[in-house]
């Protein structure tokens, strides 16, 4: 993700299931590529969010 002027504590990343019109192979490959990138660069995913993520 590019750098942002928004405070780090205010940022969030959300994964929503792709729509029926999306290529399922491309959608799955994109999610897996993101996971691989995080593992390869040893990125810290942070604490898990439980319950309502908007509160």
C-alpha atoms as a PDB file:
ATOM      1  CA  UNK A   1       0.000   0.000   0.000  1.00  0.00           C
ATOM      2  CA  UNK A   2       1.339   3.433  -0.798  1.00  0.00           C
ATOM      3  CA  UNK A   3       2.236   5.862   1.948  1.00  0.00           C
ATOM      4  CA  UNK A   4      -0.666   7.875   3.252  1.00  0.00           C
ATOM      5  CA  UNK A   5      -1.178  11.087   5.171  1.00  0.00           C
ATOM      6  CA  UNK A   6      -3.781   9.309   7.325  1.00  0.00           C
ATOM      7  CA  UNK A   7      -2.525   8.281  10.775  1.00  0.00           C
ATOM      8  CA  UNK A   8      -1.484   4.632  10.950  1.00  0.00           C
ATOM      9  CA  UNK A   9      -3.962   3.945  13.754  1.00  0.00           C
ATOM     10  CA  UNK A  10      -6.798   5.160  11.512  1.00  0.00           C
ATOM     11  CA  UNK A  11      -5.971   2.950   8.527  1.00  0.00           C
ATOM     12  CA  UNK A  12      -7.543  -0.410   7.860  1.00  0.00           C
ATOM     13  CA  UNK A  13      -7.423  -3.044   5.181  1.00  0.00           C
ATOM     14  CA  UNK A  14     -10.555  -4.912   4.270  1.00  0.00           C
ATOM     15  CA  UNK A  15     -10.911  -7.938   2.021  1.00  0.00           C
ATOM     16  CA  UNK A  16     -14.318  -8.444   0.515  1.00  0.00           C
ATOM     17  CA  UNK A  17     -15.318 -11.466  -1.489  1.00  0.00           C
ATOM     18  CA  UNK A  18     -15.180 -10.760  -5.223  1.00  0.00           C
ATOM     19  CA  UNK A  19     -18.439 -10.352  -7.125  1.00  0.00           C
ATOM     20  CA  UNK A  20     -19.907 -12.983  -9.407  1.00  0.00           C
ATOM     21  CA  UNK A  21     -18.600 -11.064 -12.417  1.00  0.00           C
ATOM     22  CA  UNK A  22     -14.954 -11.384 -11.295  1.00  0.00           C
ATOM     23  CA  UNK A  23     -12.606 -14.005 -12.659  1.00  0.00           C
ATOM     24  CA  UNK A  24     -12.354 -16.457  -9.713  1.00  0.00           C
ATOM     25  CA  UNK A  25      -8.830 -17.539 -10.658  1.00  0.00           C
ATOM     26  CA  UNK A  26      -7.597 -13.955 -10.838  1.00  0.00           C
ATOM     27  CA  UNK A  27      -9.285 -13.091  -7.525  1.00  0.00           C
ATOM     28  CA  UNK A  28      -7.736 -16.108  -5.773  1.00  0.00           C
ATOM     29  CA  UNK A  29      -4.314 -15.404  -7.313  1.00  0.00           C
ATOM     30  CA  UNK A  30      -4.454 -11.803  -6.099  1.00  0.00           C
ATOM     31  CA  UNK A  31      -5.230 -12.803  -2.509  1.00  0.00           C
ATOM     32  CA  UNK A  32      -2.527 -15.486  -2.538  1.00  0.00           C
ATOM     33  CA  UNK A  33       0.019 -13.032  -3.996  1.00  0.00           C
ATOM     34  CA  UNK A  34      -0.734 -10.615  -1.161  1.00  0.00           C
ATOM     35  CA  UNK A  35      -0.265 -13.354   1.419  1.00  0.00           C
ATOM     36  CA  UNK A  36       3.020 -14.425  -0.187  1.00  0.00           C
ATOM     37  CA  UNK A  37       4.243 -10.821  -0.256  1.00  0.00           C
ATOM     38  CA  UNK A  38       3.533 -10.410   3.450  1.00  0.00           C
ATOM     39  CA  UNK A  39       5.332 -13.631   4.318  1.00  0.00           C
ATOM     40  CA  UNK A  40       8.327 -12.887   2.063  1.00  0.00           C
ATOM     41  CA  UNK A  41       8.780  -9.420   3.563  1.00  0.00           C
ATOM     42  CA  UNK A  42       8.034 -10.630   7.116  1.00  0.00           C
ATOM     43  CA  UNK A  43       5.304  -8.011   7.575  1.00  0.00           C
ATOM     44  CA  UNK A  44       3.569  -7.819  10.939  1.00  0.00           C
ATOM     45  CA  UNK A  45      -0.178  -8.268  10.436  1.00  0.00           C
ATOM     46  CA  UNK A  46      -0.936  -6.593  13.765  1.00  0.00           C
ATOM     47  CA  UNK A  47      -3.391  -7.751  16.363  1.00  0.00           C
ATOM     48  CA  UNK A  48      -6.485  -9.573  15.127  1.00  0.00           C
ATOM     49  CA  UNK A  49      -9.759  -7.667  15.127  1.00  0.00           C
ATOM     50  CA  UNK A  50     -12.743  -9.448  16.616  1.00  0.00           C
ATOM     51  CA  UNK A  51     -16.329  -8.345  16.688  1.00  0.00           C
ATOM     52  CA  UNK A  52     -17.344  -5.177  14.894  1.00  0.00           C
ATOM     53  CA  UNK A  53     -14.247  -3.768  13.193  1.00  0.00           C
ATOM     54  CA  UNK A  54     -15.825  -0.326  12.851  1.00  0.00           C
ATOM     55  CA  UNK A  55     -16.043   0.340  16.603  1.00  0.00           C
END
